[in-house]
Every structure is written in C-alpha cells, then in structure tokens.
Amino acid sequence: MACDQRSVIEVHFPSDTSGENSHINIFDSPGRDERLQINRVMKILGVSPGKVVADIGAGSGWYTVRAAKRVTETGLIYAVEINPEAIRYINLRIQKEHLHNVKTILSKPDDPLLPADKIDSVLLLKTYHEVAKPVTLLRNLRASLRTGAKVGVIDRKGNGENHGVARDVVIREASQAGYTLQEQYDFVKGDSMDYFLVFTAK
C-alpha cells in the first residue's frame, strides 16, 4: 500500500498582480499555454460553457482564469488553495481581469471543501506531488463530483522530492481513493517528462 504522505512546498506570492520581480513568474511563464496544450486539456476534461470546474492547488490562478473564460459567465470556477497568500493573489487577479464567475476556497490540506454534487471537472496541475495526503484528499473530493465528472492530474515524472511523482503511484493512490483511470496522455510537454491522467469516480 502506498504511503499517503508527502512533503508540501511553500510558495510566496506578491502583494499585487504585476508579476515584476516575483516568484509568481514560475507559474505564468511565457509560452506555458502552448507547452501544456491547455486548450486540448480543457477539451478532454469537458470544460465548456456552463460547466462547474475546480482548480485544486490553484497557485497563481493560471488555470483558473483560462477555465473561467472557457466556461463563460454561465459556468463557475472554484479556485482551491491551502495558501492564504495564493487566495489573496487570485482574488486580486480575478478582479483585475473582470472575471465574475470565480469563487476562491481556502481549503484544508486533505479536503478541498467543495460543495456537494456540483463539480463537472477537476484539474490538479503540477499539484499532486505536493499533496501530503493524496488518498484522503481524493476521497474527500468525491462527494463534490457530479455523475461522470472528470478528474485530471498533470504532473511530472519523479519521486516526490524533485517536484514530481511517478504516474503509477498516482494511478494506485487514485484507485485506493475510489477512482478509475479512463485516459492517459503524454502530449502535455515536449520533453516527455509530464503526463496527463484522467479519472472518474467508481
């Protein structure tokens, strides 16, 4: 049985959204859309007008704002973070970008605190390897999912100490939490180090 325990990386956020001389640039680097083929990712996850989407480990809100525009004003995005600095930064960002369909959630490390039976699509983008108790988190996520909801994990091959986690570990832990692997892809980065897994609840 896999160990449900990993170290958590702490990231500091600036007091504004200008991005100058800040750590936030690691999340919003130029060309990231193309490298991750994020529009293709969103299509696979069923992110479309009117859908309700959760961005777990939202960080700077990079994926949040892209998903918010794709679901349009008829949809809703929940930006989920355990870091109060990140929540504050995302709130500033969505205000600056005039997005009215985003709600932020300051979650627990092992519980996203999402509303029950509301979510159509979830993405953990370069987040899974930082989750201390991934099996518990995924189990707590299940109650929020609508029937057929897709849960996507994009991460980097590794061992948990190098900002990555082996895909087999993710698949095994997701199964323990009650999920079935539906699809897996390698297109999300050209160096073949990143993978994209899609799960549904059993």
Protein backbone atom coordinates (compact mmCIF):
# COMPACT_ATOMS: atom_id res chain seq x y z
CA MET A 1 0.00 0.00 0.00
CA ALA A 2 1.38 3.39 -0.97
CA CYS A 3 2.31 5.81 1.76
CA ASP A 4 -0.28 8.61 1.93
CA GLN A 5 2.23 11.23 2.99
CA ARG A 6 4.38 13.70 1.08
CA SER A 7 6.18 16.94 1.78
CA VAL A 8 4.49 20.23 0.91
CA ILE A 9 6.27 23.01 -0.97
CA GLU A 10 5.71 26.57 0.25
CA VAL A 11 5.46 29.32 -2.37
CA HIS A 12 5.35 33.05 -1.64
CA PHE A 13 3.08 35.37 -3.60
CA PRO A 14 3.48 39.08 -4.32
CA SER A 15 1.17 41.73 -2.93
CA ASP A 16 -0.04 42.70 -6.41
CA THR A 17 -0.53 41.08 -9.82
CA SER A 18 2.11 42.97 -11.78
CA GLY A 19 4.41 39.94 -11.78
CA GLU A 20 7.56 42.06 -11.56
CA ASN A 21 10.44 40.57 -9.56
CA SER A 22 8.22 37.92 -8.01
CA HIS A 23 8.11 34.17 -7.61
CA ILE A 24 4.81 34.16 -9.48
CA ASN A 25 6.65 34.04 -12.80
CA ILE A 26 7.26 30.32 -12.31
CA PHE A 27 3.51 29.81 -12.78
CA ASP A 28 2.90 32.38 -15.53
CA SER A 29 5.95 31.91 -17.72
CA PRO A 30 5.55 32.87 -21.40
CA GLY A 31 4.56 30.00 -23.67
CA ARG A 32 3.12 27.82 -20.91
CA ASP A 33 -0.22 27.55 -22.76
CA GLU A 34 1.49 26.06 -25.77
CA ARG A 35 3.82 23.76 -23.82
CA LEU A 36 0.96 22.23 -21.83
CA GLN A 37 -1.55 22.44 -24.71
CA ILE A 38 -4.01 23.67 -22.11
CA ASN A 39 -6.88 24.15 -24.56
CA ARG A 40 -6.60 20.48 -25.53
CA VAL A 41 -6.52 19.57 -21.83
CA MET A 42 -9.70 21.55 -21.18
CA LYS A 43 -11.45 19.91 -24.14
CA ILE A 44 -10.59 16.43 -22.83
CA LEU A 45 -11.86 17.38 -19.35
CA GLY A 46 -15.12 18.68 -20.78
CA VAL A 47 -14.52 22.29 -19.77
CA SER A 48 -17.15 24.14 -21.80
CA PRO A 49 -19.79 26.88 -21.40
CA GLY A 50 -21.96 26.36 -18.34
CA LYS A 51 -19.71 23.82 -16.62
CA VAL A 52 -18.56 23.97 -12.99
CA VAL A 53 -14.82 23.40 -12.65
CA ALA A 54 -12.46 23.02 -9.69
CA ASP A 55 -8.82 24.10 -9.91
CA ILE A 56 -7.21 22.32 -6.94
CA GLY A 57 -3.88 23.82 -5.96
CA ALA A 58 -4.72 26.89 -7.99
CA GLY A 59 -1.46 28.70 -7.20
CA SER A 60 -1.38 31.96 -9.15
CA GLY A 61 -4.73 31.26 -10.80
CA TRP A 62 -3.08 30.49 -14.15
CA TYR A 63 -5.51 27.69 -14.97
CA THR A 64 -8.39 29.33 -13.10
CA VAL A 65 -8.55 32.35 -15.40
CA ARG A 66 -8.29 30.24 -18.55
CA ALA A 67 -11.03 27.88 -17.42
CA ALA A 68 -13.19 30.83 -16.33
CA LYS A 69 -13.10 32.30 -19.83
CA ARG A 70 -13.87 28.92 -21.39
CA VAL A 71 -16.94 28.16 -19.24
CA THR A 72 -18.19 31.74 -19.84
CA GLU A 73 -20.43 33.64 -17.44
CA THR A 74 -22.85 30.71 -17.44
CA GLY A 75 -20.27 28.48 -15.73
CA LEU A 76 -18.32 28.67 -12.50
CA ILE A 77 -14.75 28.04 -11.36
CA TYR A 78 -13.71 27.14 -7.84
CA ALA A 79 -10.08 28.10 -7.20
CA VAL A 80 -8.98 25.89 -4.31
CA GLU A 81 -5.82 26.62 -2.28
CA ILE A 82 -4.40 25.93 1.17
CA ASN A 83 -2.21 29.04 0.99
CA PRO A 84 -3.92 32.28 2.12
CA GLU A 85 -1.40 34.31 0.11
CA ALA A 86 -2.44 32.48 -3.04
CA ILE A 87 -6.13 33.09 -2.33
CA ARG A 88 -5.46 36.79 -1.85
CA TYR A 89 -3.46 36.91 -5.10
CA ILE A 90 -6.18 35.10 -7.09
CA ASN A 91 -8.85 37.44 -5.72
CA LEU A 92 -6.80 40.40 -6.91
CA ARG A 93 -6.22 38.75 -10.26
CA ILE A 94 -9.86 37.96 -11.00
CA GLN A 95 -10.81 41.50 -10.00
CA LYS A 96 -8.17 42.91 -12.34
CA GLU A 97 -9.31 40.65 -15.18
CA HIS A 98 -13.01 41.38 -14.51
CA LEU A 99 -13.95 37.72 -14.01
CA HIS A 100 -17.22 37.29 -12.13
CA ASN A 101 -17.51 33.51 -12.35
CA VAL A 102 -14.69 32.54 -9.97
CA LYS A 103 -15.01 31.65 -6.29
CA THR A 104 -11.95 31.06 -4.13
CA ILE A 105 -11.84 28.43 -1.40
CA LEU A 106 -9.24 28.36 1.37
CA SER A 107 -9.22 24.61 1.80
CA LYS A 108 -7.73 22.09 4.21
CA PRO A 109 -4.63 20.17 3.08
CA ASP A 110 -6.65 16.95 2.81
CA ASP A 111 -10.10 18.34 1.95
CA PRO A 112 -10.93 20.77 -0.90
CA LEU A 113 -14.12 21.86 0.91
CA LEU A 114 -16.09 21.96 -2.33
CA PRO A 115 -19.91 21.95 -2.33
CA ALA A 116 -21.59 18.57 -2.73
CA ASP A 117 -22.64 17.27 -6.15
CA LYS A 118 -21.66 20.43 -8.04
CA ILE A 119 -18.42 19.76 -9.93
CA ASP A 120 -18.22 18.64 -13.58
CA SER A 121 -14.44 18.81 -13.99
CA VAL A 122 -11.35 18.96 -11.78
CA LEU A 123 -7.70 19.63 -12.55
CA LEU A 124 -4.67 19.22 -10.30
CA LEU A 125 -1.99 20.95 -12.37
CA LYS A 126 1.53 20.25 -11.08
CA THR A 127 -0.05 19.94 -7.63
CA TYR A 128 -0.45 16.25 -6.88
CA HIS A 129 3.20 15.70 -5.90
CA GLU A 130 2.87 18.40 -3.24
CA VAL A 131 -0.23 16.94 -1.57
CA ALA A 132 0.67 15.49 1.82
CA LYS A 133 -2.24 13.02 1.95
CA PRO A 134 -3.39 12.46 -1.64
CA VAL A 135 -5.63 9.44 -0.95
CA THR A 136 -7.52 11.34 1.74
CA LEU A 137 -7.83 14.41 -0.48
CA LEU A 138 -9.24 12.38 -3.37
CA ARG A 139 -11.68 10.58 -1.09
CA ASN A 140 -12.93 13.90 0.27
CA LEU A 141 -13.26 15.24 -3.28
CA ARG A 142 -15.70 12.52 -4.34
CA ALA A 143 -18.77 13.97 -2.64
CA SER A 144 -18.48 17.15 -4.70
CA LEU A 145 -18.45 15.36 -8.06
CA ARG A 146 -21.45 15.07 -10.33
CA THR A 147 -22.07 11.79 -12.12
CA GLY A 148 -19.47 11.37 -14.87
CA ALA A 149 -17.24 14.19 -13.63
CA LYS A 150 -13.66 14.01 -14.86
CA VAL A 151 -10.66 14.47 -12.56
CA GLY A 152 -7.43 15.38 -14.34
CA VAL A 153 -3.91 15.15 -12.94
CA ILE A 154 -0.97 16.73 -14.75
CA ASP A 155 2.36 16.14 -13.10
CA ARG A 156 5.99 15.38 -13.77
CA LYS A 157 7.72 12.02 -13.58
CA GLY A 158 9.69 11.84 -10.35
CA ASN A 159 9.82 10.56 -6.80
CA GLY A 160 8.20 13.36 -4.77
CA GLU A 161 11.49 15.03 -3.91
CA ASN A 162 12.15 16.54 -7.35
CA HIS A 163 8.79 18.25 -7.95
CA GLY A 164 7.36 15.08 -9.44
CA VAL A 165 5.69 11.75 -8.75
CA ALA A 166 5.57 8.52 -10.74
CA ARG A 167 2.37 8.08 -12.72
CA ASP A 168 1.95 4.54 -11.35
CA VAL A 169 1.86 5.99 -7.84
CA VAL A 170 -0.91 8.42 -8.82
CA ILE A 171 -2.91 5.66 -10.51
CA ARG A 172 -2.55 3.36 -7.48
CA GLU A 173 -3.48 6.06 -4.96
CA ALA A 174 -6.46 7.19 -7.05
CA SER A 175 -7.69 3.61 -7.16
CA GLN A 176 -7.39 3.37 -3.36
CA ALA A 177 -9.50 6.54 -3.14
CA GLY A 178 -12.21 5.09 -5.37
CA TYR A 179 -11.35 6.27 -8.88
CA THR A 180 -10.89 4.54 -12.22
CA LEU A 181 -8.30 5.63 -14.78
CA GLN A 182 -10.13 6.49 -18.02
CA GLU A 183 -7.41 8.03 -20.19
CA GLN A 184 -3.72 8.92 -20.08
CA TYR A 185 -1.69 11.19 -22.33
CA ASP A 186 1.89 12.37 -22.81
CA PHE A 187 1.29 15.41 -25.01
CA VAL A 188 1.38 17.98 -22.21
CA LYS A 189 5.08 18.71 -22.57
CA GLY A 190 7.54 18.05 -25.34
CA ASP A 191 10.28 16.58 -23.13
CA SER A 192 8.10 13.53 -22.30
CA MET A 193 8.52 14.21 -18.58
CA ASP A 194 4.97 15.39 -17.94
CA TYR A 195 1.91 13.15 -18.04
CA PHE A 196 -1.84 13.77 -18.01
CA LEU A 197 -4.18 11.28 -16.32
CA VAL A 198 -7.98 11.40 -16.40
CA PHE A 199 -10.05 9.65 -13.73
CA THR A 200 -13.70 9.18 -12.87
CA ALA A 201 -15.20 8.04 -9.59
CA LYS A 202 -16.03 4.32 -9.43
